C-alpha atoms as a PDB file:
ATOM      1  CA  MET A   1      71.184  56.442 113.099  1.00  0.00           C
ATOM      2  CA  CYS A   2      68.803  58.086 115.525  1.00  0.00           C
ATOM      3  CA  CYS A   3      69.823  59.855 118.580  1.00  0.00           C
ATOM      4  CA  HIS A   4      66.351  59.256 120.566  1.00  0.00           C
ATOM      5  CA  ALA A   5      67.149  56.143 123.001  1.00  0.00           C
ATOM      6  CA  SER A   6      63.507  54.953 121.907  1.00  0.00           C
ATOM      7  CA  THR A   7      61.184  55.483 119.189  1.00  0.00           C
ATOM      8  CA  VAL A   8      58.248  54.319 121.516  1.00  0.00           C
ATOM      9  CA  PRO A   9      55.636  56.953 121.231  1.00  0.00           C
ATOM     10  CA  ARG A  10      54.481  58.630 124.319  1.00  0.00           C
ATOM     11  CA  ARG A  11      51.001  57.490 125.895  1.00  0.00           C
ATOM     12  CA  PRO A  12      48.716  60.486 126.475  1.00  0.00           C
ATOM     13  CA  ILE A  13      48.669  61.365 129.830  1.00  0.00           C
ATOM     14  CA  ALA A  14      45.027  60.738 130.444  1.00  0.00           C
ATOM     15  CA  GLU A  15      45.558  56.761 129.582  1.00  0.00           C
ATOM     16  CA  GLU A  16      48.307  56.800 132.159  1.00  0.00           C
ATOM     17  CA  VAL A  17      46.299  58.443 134.992  1.00  0.00           C
ATOM     18  CA  LEU A  18      43.576  56.097 134.332  1.00  0.00           C
ATOM     19  CA  LYS A  19      45.876  53.495 134.538  1.00  0.00           C
ATOM     20  CA  ALA A  20      46.892  54.575 137.647  1.00  0.00           C
ATOM     21  CA  LEU A  21      44.057  54.794 139.045  1.00  0.00           C
ATOM     22  CA  LYS A  22      41.705  51.236 137.696  1.00  0.00           C
ATOM     23  CA  ASP A  23      41.516  50.138 141.057  1.00  0.00           C
ATOM     24  CA  VAL A  24      40.723  53.287 143.004  1.00  0.00           C
ATOM     25  CA  GLU A  25      36.786  52.683 144.418  1.00  0.00           C
ATOM     26  CA  GLY A  26      34.301  55.201 146.103  1.00  0.00           C
ATOM     27  CA  ASP A  27      31.196  56.438 145.751  1.00  0.00           C
ATOM     28  CA  GLY A  28      30.312  60.197 146.402  1.00  0.00           C
ATOM     29  CA  LYS A  29      30.303  63.331 144.698  1.00  0.00           C
ATOM     30  CA  TYR A  30      33.393  65.882 144.808  1.00  0.00           C
ATOM     31  CA  ILE A  31      34.211  69.546 143.851  1.00  0.00           C
ATOM     32  CA  VAL A  32      37.668  69.911 141.990  1.00  0.00           C
ATOM     33  CA  VAL A  33      39.157  73.105 141.972  1.00  0.00           C
ATOM     34  CA  TYR A  34      41.805  73.984 140.096  1.00  0.00           C
ATOM     35  CA  ASP A  35      43.789  77.125 139.336  1.00  0.00           C
ATOM     36  CA  PHE A  36      47.538  77.593 136.836  1.00  0.00           C
ATOM     37  CA  LYS A  37      49.746  80.593 137.676  1.00  0.00           C
ATOM     38  CA  LEU A  38      50.735  81.996 134.737  1.00  0.00           C
ATOM     39  CA  GLY A  39      53.029  84.840 133.896  1.00  0.00           C
ATOM     40  CA  LYS A  40      53.340  87.330 131.053  1.00  0.00           C
ATOM     41  CA  GLY A  41      51.674  85.835 127.715  1.00  0.00           C
ATOM     42  CA  GLY A  42      51.327  82.962 129.603  1.00  0.00           C
ATOM     43  CA  ARG A  43      48.641  79.910 128.543  1.00  0.00           C
ATOM     44  CA  ILE A  44      47.114  76.783 130.023  1.00  0.00           C
ATOM     45  CA  PRO A  45      48.420  74.721 127.326  1.00  0.00           C
ATOM     46  CA  LEU A  46      46.013  73.128 125.058  1.00  0.00           C
ATOM     47  CA  ARG A  47      47.102  69.343 125.678  1.00  0.00           C
ATOM     48  CA  PHE A  48      45.823  70.042 129.268  1.00  0.00           C
ATOM     49  CA  TYR A  49      42.077  70.289 127.480  1.00  0.00           C
ATOM     50  CA  ARG A  50      42.284  67.943 125.214  1.00  0.00           C
ATOM     51  CA  ASN A  51      43.439  65.438 128.053  1.00  0.00           C
ATOM     52  CA  LEU A  52      40.894  67.038 130.523  1.00  0.00           C
ATOM     53  CA  ARG A  53      38.079  66.574 127.253  1.00  0.00           C
ATOM     54  CA  VAL A  54      39.025  62.721 127.071  1.00  0.00           C
ATOM     55  CA  LEU A  55      38.734  62.279 130.811  1.00  0.00           C
ATOM     56  CA  MET A  56      35.766  64.023 131.101  1.00  0.00           C
ATOM     57  CA  ASN A  57      33.972  61.416 128.636  1.00  0.00           C
ATOM     58  CA  VAL A  58      35.581  58.482 129.304  1.00  0.00           C
ATOM     59  CA  LEU A  59      34.913  58.559 133.226  1.00  0.00           C
ATOM     60  CA  GLY A  60      31.414  60.533 132.766  1.00  0.00           C
ATOM     61  CA  GLY A  61      29.808  61.851 135.823  1.00  0.00           C
ATOM     62  CA  VAL A  62      32.104  65.017 135.536  1.00  0.00           C
ATOM     63  CA  ARG A  63      30.796  68.647 134.959  1.00  0.00           C
ATOM     64  CA  ALA A  64      32.014  72.051 134.701  1.00  0.00           C
ATOM     65  CA  VAL A  65      30.181  74.322 137.454  1.00  0.00           C
ATOM     66  CA  GLN A  66      32.734  76.918 136.286  1.00  0.00           C
ATOM     67  CA  LYS A  67      35.831  76.922 134.446  1.00  0.00           C
ATOM     68  CA  SER A  68      38.393  76.051 136.739  1.00  0.00           C
ATOM     69  CA  VAL A  69      35.462  74.043 139.306  1.00  0.00           C
ATOM     70  CA  LEU A  70      34.155  70.754 138.106  1.00  0.00           C
ATOM     71  CA  MET A  71      31.533  68.289 140.176  1.00  0.00           C
ATOM     72  CA  CYS A  72      32.903  64.390 139.871  1.00  0.00           C
ATOM     73  CA  GLU A  73      30.992  61.482 140.405  1.00  0.00           C
ATOM     74  CA  GLY A  74      33.335  58.811 142.496  1.00  0.00           C
ATOM     75  CA  ALA A  75      36.658  59.159 143.704  1.00  0.00           C
ATOM     76  CA  ARG A  76      38.515  57.623 140.629  1.00  0.00           C
ATOM     77  CA  ALA A  77      37.273  60.530 138.490  1.00  0.00           C
ATOM     78  CA  ALA A  78      37.952  63.160 141.123  1.00  0.00           C
ATOM     79  CA  LEU A  79      40.978  61.854 141.644  1.00  0.00           C
ATOM     80  CA  ALA A  80      42.108  61.603 137.558  1.00  0.00           C
ATOM     81  CA  ILE A  81      41.278  65.383 137.642  1.00  0.00           C
ATOM     82  CA  VAL A  82      43.705  65.738 140.856  1.00  0.00           C
ATOM     83  CA  LYS A  83      46.361  63.715 138.623  1.00  0.00           C
ATOM     84  CA  LEU A  84      46.008  65.910 135.209  1.00  0.00           C
ATOM     85  CA  VAL A  85      46.243  69.445 136.919  1.00  0.00           C
ATOM     86  CA  GLU A  86      49.274  68.217 138.760  1.00  0.00           C
ATOM     87  CA  HIS A  87      50.807  66.900 135.960  1.00  0.00           C
ATOM     88  CA  TYR A  88      50.515  70.337 134.345  1.00  0.00           C
ATOM     89  CA  GLY A  89      51.665  72.458 137.129  1.00  0.00           C
ATOM     90  CA  GLY A  90      48.407  73.689 138.010  1.00  0.00           C
ATOM     91  CA  ASN A  91      47.169  74.181 141.890  1.00  0.00           C
ATOM     92  CA  VAL A  92      44.196  71.970 142.844  1.00  0.00           C
ATOM     93  CA  ARG A  93      42.144  70.942 145.705  1.00  0.00           C
ATOM     94  CA  MET A  94      39.734  67.980 146.085  1.00  0.00           C
ATOM     95  CA  PHE A  95      36.336  68.241 148.564  1.00  0.00           C
ATOM     96  CA  ARG A  96      34.068  65.375 149.046  1.00  0.00           C
ATOM     97  CA  VAL A  97      30.300  67.030 148.851  1.00  0.00           C
ATOM     98  CA  ILE A  98      28.469  66.214 151.903  1.00  0.00           C
ATOM     99  CA  ASP A  99      24.834  67.349 150.692  1.00  0.00           C
ATOM    100  CA  ASP A 100      24.671  69.054 147.111  1.00  0.00           C
ATOM    101  CA  ASN A 101      21.100  69.898 148.314  1.00  0.00           C
ATOM    102  CA  LEU A 102      21.212  71.821 151.325  1.00  0.00           C
ATOM    103  CA  LEU A 103      19.885  74.812 150.436  1.00  0.00           C
ATOM    104  CA  GLU A 104      16.497  73.467 149.652  1.00  0.00           C
ATOM    105  CA  ASP A 105      16.080  72.916 153.366  1.00  0.00           C
ATOM    106  CA  TYR A 106      16.330  76.529 153.711  1.00  0.00           C
END
């Protein structure tokens, strides 16, 4: 007899995040900036990157600006990334982009 309370496999965090945010609406562009504090020899779990890739593929409109900076189309995509980073213990901020063509004016 097994000692585990349940044998039902846990759903990937990317699926949980998408389900939790299914009703979120909002247009516009958002920048999500994240960072992980790592101790000696610490690493960001590979599962974070796998789940990030799943979210990016499913949501679309998410592209890397730099390693830890993402441009997201829509509030749902940005909030999904925020929730994923928080799940893995990272620090994260989300900013709404007012005008991404501002430099063209100068």
